[in-house]
């Protein structure tokens, strides 16, 4: 007869910051006595001190291990996603962010230098592809987000140019 005692345990000197990981896989019931359990408990609990958050060093180590495991799982699922970095579905929208960044940089440009046909194309492209990105399989949220921002920046640039043209027309009308 076997029983699981503990998956993983930690012991060490908290003051010096040294920790040792111990694996306890399976122990036969005859070996698992009160004395053995007491000896393991002393090893695992000796030297534990609480920090300002009320965590022991073991809790911090376990938290870091859990975060690391979760991060690796998220990275693996991202890498193997149908629209992940191994496909064109990832790289095309990622490169399109460059166009969007250039359009954002043009916010500092004087409005009289903005091209209405160019900004119209940027805004329409963003609006059309935003819809398309949710219709295709796999759904491509990277493509959707870049096109939302692209449409917004294009529309903002058109707004700036229209305000400039309106102000210029108003200045020409006044004597």
C-alpha atoms as a PDB file:
ATOM      1  CA  UNK A   1       0.000   0.000   0.000  1.00  0.00           C
ATOM      2  CA  UNK A   2       1.342   3.413  -0.990  1.00  0.00           C
ATOM      3  CA  UNK A   3       0.227   6.919  -0.189  1.00  0.00           C
ATOM      4  CA  UNK A   4       1.191  10.356  -1.458  1.00  0.00           C
ATOM      5  CA  UNK A   5       2.958  12.188   1.317  1.00  0.00           C
ATOM      6  CA  UNK A   6       3.820  15.446  -0.401  1.00  0.00           C
ATOM      7  CA  UNK A   7       4.585  16.527  -3.941  1.00  0.00           C
ATOM      8  CA  UNK A   8       7.236  19.046  -3.144  1.00  0.00           C
ATOM      9  CA  UNK A   9       8.674  20.568  -0.008  1.00  0.00           C
ATOM     10  CA  UNK A  10      11.150  23.297   0.808  1.00  0.00           C
ATOM     11  CA  UNK A  11      13.458  23.727   3.721  1.00  0.00           C
ATOM     12  CA  UNK A  12      16.344  26.024   4.435  1.00  0.00           C
ATOM     13  CA  UNK A  13      17.611  28.993   6.354  1.00  0.00           C
ATOM     14  CA  UNK A  14      15.387  32.030   5.799  1.00  0.00           C
ATOM     15  CA  UNK A  15      17.885  34.464   7.305  1.00  0.00           C
ATOM     16  CA  UNK A  16      20.607  33.452   4.860  1.00  0.00           C
ATOM     17  CA  UNK A  17      18.172  33.045   1.975  1.00  0.00           C
ATOM     18  CA  UNK A  18      19.180  29.449   1.260  1.00  0.00           C
ATOM     19  CA  UNK A  19      16.420  27.087   0.275  1.00  0.00           C
ATOM     20  CA  UNK A  20      16.530  23.485  -0.742  1.00  0.00           C
ATOM     21  CA  UNK A  21      13.866  21.688  -2.679  1.00  0.00           C
ATOM     22  CA  UNK A  22      12.972  18.166  -1.639  1.00  0.00           C
ATOM     23  CA  UNK A  23      10.841  15.744  -3.590  1.00  0.00           C
ATOM     24  CA  UNK A  24       8.693  13.237  -1.723  1.00  0.00           C
ATOM     25  CA  UNK A  25       7.018  11.080  -4.341  1.00  0.00           C
ATOM     26  CA  UNK A  26       5.527   7.984  -2.789  1.00  0.00           C
ATOM     27  CA  UNK A  27       6.306   6.258   0.468  1.00  0.00           C
ATOM     28  CA  UNK A  28       4.954   2.918   1.507  1.00  0.00           C
ATOM     29  CA  UNK A  29       2.484   3.035   4.383  1.00  0.00           C
ATOM     30  CA  UNK A  30       4.772   0.960   6.578  1.00  0.00           C
ATOM     31  CA  UNK A  31       7.596   3.532   6.184  1.00  0.00           C
ATOM     32  CA  UNK A  32       5.280   6.445   6.871  1.00  0.00           C
ATOM     33  CA  UNK A  33       5.237   6.580  10.653  1.00  0.00           C
ATOM     34  CA  UNK A  34       4.542   9.417  13.042  1.00  0.00           C
ATOM     35  CA  UNK A  35       8.277   9.744  13.645  1.00  0.00           C
ATOM     36  CA  UNK A  36       9.044  10.104   9.916  1.00  0.00           C
ATOM     37  CA  UNK A  37       6.276  12.644   9.486  1.00  0.00           C
ATOM     38  CA  UNK A  38       7.453  14.628  12.508  1.00  0.00           C
ATOM     39  CA  UNK A  39      11.032  14.647  11.174  1.00  0.00           C
ATOM     40  CA  UNK A  40       9.856  15.924   7.759  1.00  0.00           C
ATOM     41  CA  UNK A  41       7.580  18.518   9.352  1.00  0.00           C
ATOM     42  CA  UNK A  42      10.464  19.856  11.438  1.00  0.00           C
ATOM     43  CA  UNK A  43      12.653  20.096   8.313  1.00  0.00           C
ATOM     44  CA  UNK A  44       9.966  21.924   6.387  1.00  0.00           C
ATOM     45  CA  UNK A  45       8.855  24.355   9.085  1.00  0.00           C
ATOM     46  CA  UNK A  46      12.083  25.148  10.889  1.00  0.00           C
ATOM     47  CA  UNK A  47      13.495  28.578  10.248  1.00  0.00           C
ATOM     48  CA  UNK A  48      10.380  30.009   8.618  1.00  0.00           C
ATOM     49  CA  UNK A  49       9.784  33.643   9.360  1.00  0.00           C
ATOM     50  CA  UNK A  50       7.014  35.831   8.038  1.00  0.00           C
ATOM     51  CA  UNK A  51       7.850  38.834   5.897  1.00  0.00           C
ATOM     52  CA  UNK A  52       5.954  42.131   5.814  1.00  0.00           C
ATOM     53  CA  UNK A  53       3.157  40.595   3.708  1.00  0.00           C
ATOM     54  CA  UNK A  54       2.772  37.677   6.068  1.00  0.00           C
ATOM     55  CA  UNK A  55       4.318  35.209   3.619  1.00  0.00           C
ATOM     56  CA  UNK A  56       6.949  32.672   4.429  1.00  0.00           C
ATOM     57  CA  UNK A  57       9.916  32.142   2.158  1.00  0.00           C
ATOM     58  CA  UNK A  58       8.303  28.878   1.064  1.00  0.00           C
ATOM     59  CA  UNK A  59       5.142  30.727   0.035  1.00  0.00           C
ATOM     60  CA  UNK A  60       7.202  33.175  -2.022  1.00  0.00           C
ATOM     61  CA  UNK A  61       9.083  30.326  -3.713  1.00  0.00           C
ATOM     62  CA  UNK A  62       5.816  28.540  -4.468  1.00  0.00           C
ATOM     63  CA  UNK A  63       4.291  31.775  -5.808  1.00  0.00           C
ATOM     64  CA  UNK A  64       7.264  32.379  -8.098  1.00  0.00           C
ATOM     65  CA  UNK A  65       7.105  28.766  -9.284  1.00  0.00           C
ATOM     66  CA  UNK A  66       3.367  29.087 -10.024  1.00  0.00           C
ATOM     67  CA  UNK A  67       3.845  32.372 -11.906  1.00  0.00           C
ATOM     68  CA  UNK A  68       6.715  30.863 -13.878  1.00  0.00           C
ATOM     69  CA  UNK A  69       4.629  27.800 -14.775  1.00  0.00           C
ATOM     70  CA  UNK A  70       1.648  29.943 -15.812  1.00  0.00           C
ATOM     71  CA  UNK A  71       3.880  32.217 -17.894  1.00  0.00           C
ATOM     72  CA  UNK A  72       5.400  29.251 -19.707  1.00  0.00           C
ATOM     73  CA  UNK A  73       1.935  27.833 -20.437  1.00  0.00           C
ATOM     74  CA  UNK A  74       0.773  31.207 -21.797  1.00  0.00           C
ATOM     75  CA  UNK A  75       3.901  31.525 -23.951  1.00  0.00           C
ATOM     76  CA  UNK A  76       3.418  28.013 -25.317  1.00  0.00           C
ATOM     77  CA  UNK A  77      -0.233  28.615 -26.160  1.00  0.00           C
ATOM     78  CA  UNK A  78       0.695  31.944 -27.828  1.00  0.00           C
ATOM     79  CA  UNK A  79       3.474  30.296 -29.832  1.00  0.00           C
ATOM     80  CA  UNK A  80       1.199  27.454 -31.035  1.00  0.00           C
ATOM     81  CA  UNK A  81      -1.902  29.607 -31.672  1.00  0.00           C
ATOM     82  CA  UNK A  82      -3.286  29.463 -35.248  1.00  0.00           C
ATOM     83  CA  UNK A  83      -2.594  33.212 -35.516  1.00  0.00           C
ATOM     84  CA  UNK A  84       0.677  33.032 -33.579  1.00  0.00           C
ATOM     85  CA  UNK A  85       4.229  34.026 -34.533  1.00  0.00           C
ATOM     86  CA  UNK A  86       4.717  30.935 -36.699  1.00  0.00           C
ATOM     87  CA  UNK A  87       2.162  32.250 -39.223  1.00  0.00           C
ATOM     88  CA  UNK A  88       1.617  35.186 -41.550  1.00  0.00           C
ATOM     89  CA  UNK A  89      -1.518  35.992 -39.529  1.00  0.00           C
ATOM     90  CA  UNK A  90       0.774  37.337 -36.825  1.00  0.00           C
ATOM     91  CA  UNK A  91       3.495  39.087 -38.827  1.00  0.00           C
ATOM     92  CA  UNK A  92       1.348  41.010 -41.323  1.00  0.00           C
ATOM     93  CA  UNK A  93      -0.564  42.963 -38.644  1.00  0.00           C
ATOM     94  CA  UNK A  94       2.592  43.357 -36.578  1.00  0.00           C
ATOM     95  CA  UNK A  95       4.321  45.082 -39.501  1.00  0.00           C
ATOM     96  CA  UNK A  96       1.166  47.141 -40.105  1.00  0.00           C
ATOM     97  CA  UNK A  97       1.741  48.727 -36.692  1.00  0.00           C
ATOM     98  CA  UNK A  98       4.621  50.567 -38.384  1.00  0.00           C
ATOM     99  CA  UNK A  99       2.168  52.406 -40.667  1.00  0.00           C
ATOM    100  CA  UNK A 100       0.043  53.251 -37.657  1.00  0.00           C
ATOM    101  CA  UNK A 101       3.072  54.511 -35.731  1.00  0.00           C
ATOM    102  CA  UNK A 102       4.028  56.738 -38.669  1.00  0.00           C
ATOM    103  CA  UNK A 103       0.495  58.129 -38.739  1.00  0.00           C
ATOM    104  CA  UNK A 104       0.679  58.842 -34.995  1.00  0.00           C
ATOM    105  CA  UNK A 105       4.031  60.587 -35.541  1.00  0.00           C
ATOM    106  CA  UNK A 106       2.278  62.793 -38.114  1.00  0.00           C
ATOM    107  CA  UNK A 107       0.095  64.260 -35.343  1.00  0.00           C
ATOM    108  CA  UNK A 108       2.882  66.802 -34.879  1.00  0.00           C
ATOM    109  CA  UNK A 109       2.801  67.708 -38.569  1.00  0.00           C
ATOM    110  CA  UNK A 110       1.077  70.920 -39.620  1.00  0.00           C
ATOM    111  CA  UNK A 111      -2.457  70.144 -40.860  1.00  0.00           C
ATOM    112  CA  UNK A 112      -1.897  71.897 -44.210  1.00  0.00           C
ATOM    113  CA  UNK A 113       0.657  69.197 -45.108  1.00  0.00           C
ATOM    114  CA  UNK A 114      -1.743  66.284 -44.501  1.00  0.00           C
ATOM    115  CA  UNK A 115      -2.922  64.453 -47.601  1.00  0.00           C
ATOM    116  CA  UNK A 116      -6.695  63.938 -47.674  1.00  0.00           C
ATOM    117  CA  UNK A 117      -6.544  60.982 -50.128  1.00  0.00           C
ATOM    118  CA  UNK A 118      -3.828  59.282 -48.082  1.00  0.00           C
ATOM    119  CA  UNK A 119      -5.643  59.728 -44.757  1.00  0.00           C
ATOM    120  CA  UNK A 120      -8.920  58.622 -46.361  1.00  0.00           C
ATOM    121  CA  UNK A 121      -7.215  55.439 -47.545  1.00  0.00           C
ATOM    122  CA  UNK A 122      -5.738  54.832 -44.082  1.00  0.00           C
ATOM    123  CA  UNK A 123      -9.117  55.336 -42.380  1.00  0.00           C
ATOM    124  CA  UNK A 124     -11.073  53.191 -44.868  1.00  0.00           C
ATOM    125  CA  UNK A 125      -8.474  50.431 -44.802  1.00  0.00           C
ATOM    126  CA  UNK A 126      -8.681  50.380 -41.026  1.00  0.00           C
ATOM    127  CA  UNK A 127     -12.477  50.219 -41.001  1.00  0.00           C
ATOM    128  CA  UNK A 128     -12.758  47.526 -43.680  1.00  0.00           C
ATOM    129  CA  UNK A 129     -10.071  45.254 -42.280  1.00  0.00           C
ATOM    130  CA  UNK A 130     -11.352  45.657 -38.729  1.00  0.00           C
ATOM    131  CA  UNK A 131     -14.561  43.938 -39.783  1.00  0.00           C
ATOM    132  CA  UNK A 132     -12.726  41.324 -41.868  1.00  0.00           C
ATOM    133  CA  UNK A 133     -10.359  40.395 -39.023  1.00  0.00           C
ATOM    134  CA  UNK A 134     -13.305  39.102 -37.003  1.00  0.00           C
ATOM    135  CA  UNK A 135     -14.841  37.184 -39.925  1.00  0.00           C
ATOM    136  CA  UNK A 136     -11.811  35.090 -40.838  1.00  0.00           C
ATOM    137  CA  UNK A 137     -10.743  31.879 -39.128  1.00  0.00           C
ATOM    138  CA  UNK A 138      -8.749  32.078 -36.918  1.00  0.00           C
ATOM    139  CA  UNK A 139     -10.053  35.322 -35.438  1.00  0.00           C
ATOM    140  CA  UNK A 140      -7.128  37.690 -35.520  1.00  0.00           C
ATOM    141  CA  UNK A 141      -7.307  40.178 -32.650  1.00  0.00           C
ATOM    142  CA  UNK A 142      -3.871  41.585 -33.500  1.00  0.00           C
ATOM    143  CA  UNK A 143      -5.183  42.508 -36.954  1.00  0.00           C
ATOM    144  CA  UNK A 144      -8.360  43.928 -35.438  1.00  0.00           C
ATOM    145  CA  UNK A 145      -6.504  46.090 -32.917  1.00  0.00           C
ATOM    146  CA  UNK A 146      -4.062  47.527 -35.456  1.00  0.00           C
ATOM    147  CA  UNK A 147      -6.941  48.391 -37.780  1.00  0.00           C
ATOM    148  CA  UNK A 148      -9.004  50.034 -35.032  1.00  0.00           C
ATOM    149  CA  UNK A 149      -6.034  52.254 -34.201  1.00  0.00           C
ATOM    150  CA  UNK A 150      -5.322  52.832 -37.890  1.00  0.00           C
ATOM    151  CA  UNK A 151      -8.919  53.915 -38.571  1.00  0.00           C
ATOM    152  CA  UNK A 152      -8.907  56.164 -35.504  1.00  0.00           C
ATOM    153  CA  UNK A 153      -5.646  57.876 -36.460  1.00  0.00           C
ATOM    154  CA  UNK A 154      -6.769  58.317 -40.068  1.00  0.00           C
ATOM    155  CA  UNK A 155     -10.095  59.822 -39.006  1.00  0.00           C
ATOM    156  CA  UNK A 156      -8.339  62.126 -36.534  1.00  0.00           C
ATOM    157  CA  UNK A 157      -5.962  63.350 -39.253  1.00  0.00           C
ATOM    158  CA  UNK A 158      -8.924  63.990 -41.586  1.00  0.00           C
ATOM    159  CA  UNK A 159     -10.635  65.917 -38.775  1.00  0.00           C
ATOM    160  CA  UNK A 160      -7.512  68.050 -38.318  1.00  0.00           C
ATOM    161  CA  UNK A 161      -7.322  68.785 -42.036  1.00  0.00           C
ATOM    162  CA  UNK A 162     -11.048  69.668 -42.246  1.00  0.00           C
ATOM    163  CA  UNK A 163     -10.747  72.031 -39.278  1.00  0.00           C
ATOM    164  CA  UNK A 164      -7.734  73.681 -40.921  1.00  0.00           C
ATOM    165  CA  UNK A 165      -9.572  74.050 -44.256  1.00  0.00           C
ATOM    166  CA  UNK A 166     -12.633  75.472 -42.479  1.00  0.00           C
ATOM    167  CA  UNK A 167     -10.478  77.974 -40.562  1.00  0.00           C
ATOM    168  CA  UNK A 168      -8.725  79.019 -43.790  1.00  0.00           C
ATOM    169  CA  UNK A 169     -12.065  79.495 -45.592  1.00  0.00           C
ATOM    170  CA  UNK A 170     -13.346  81.569 -42.687  1.00  0.00           C
ATOM    171  CA  UNK A 171     -10.205  83.753 -42.746  1.00  0.00           C
ATOM    172  CA  UNK A 172     -10.598  84.364 -46.479  1.00  0.00           C
ATOM    173  CA  UNK A 173     -14.261  85.387 -46.119  1.00  0.00           C
ATOM    174  CA  UNK A 174     -13.627  87.982 -43.424  1.00  0.00           C
ATOM    175  CA  UNK A 175     -12.610  91.396 -44.851  1.00  0.00           C
END
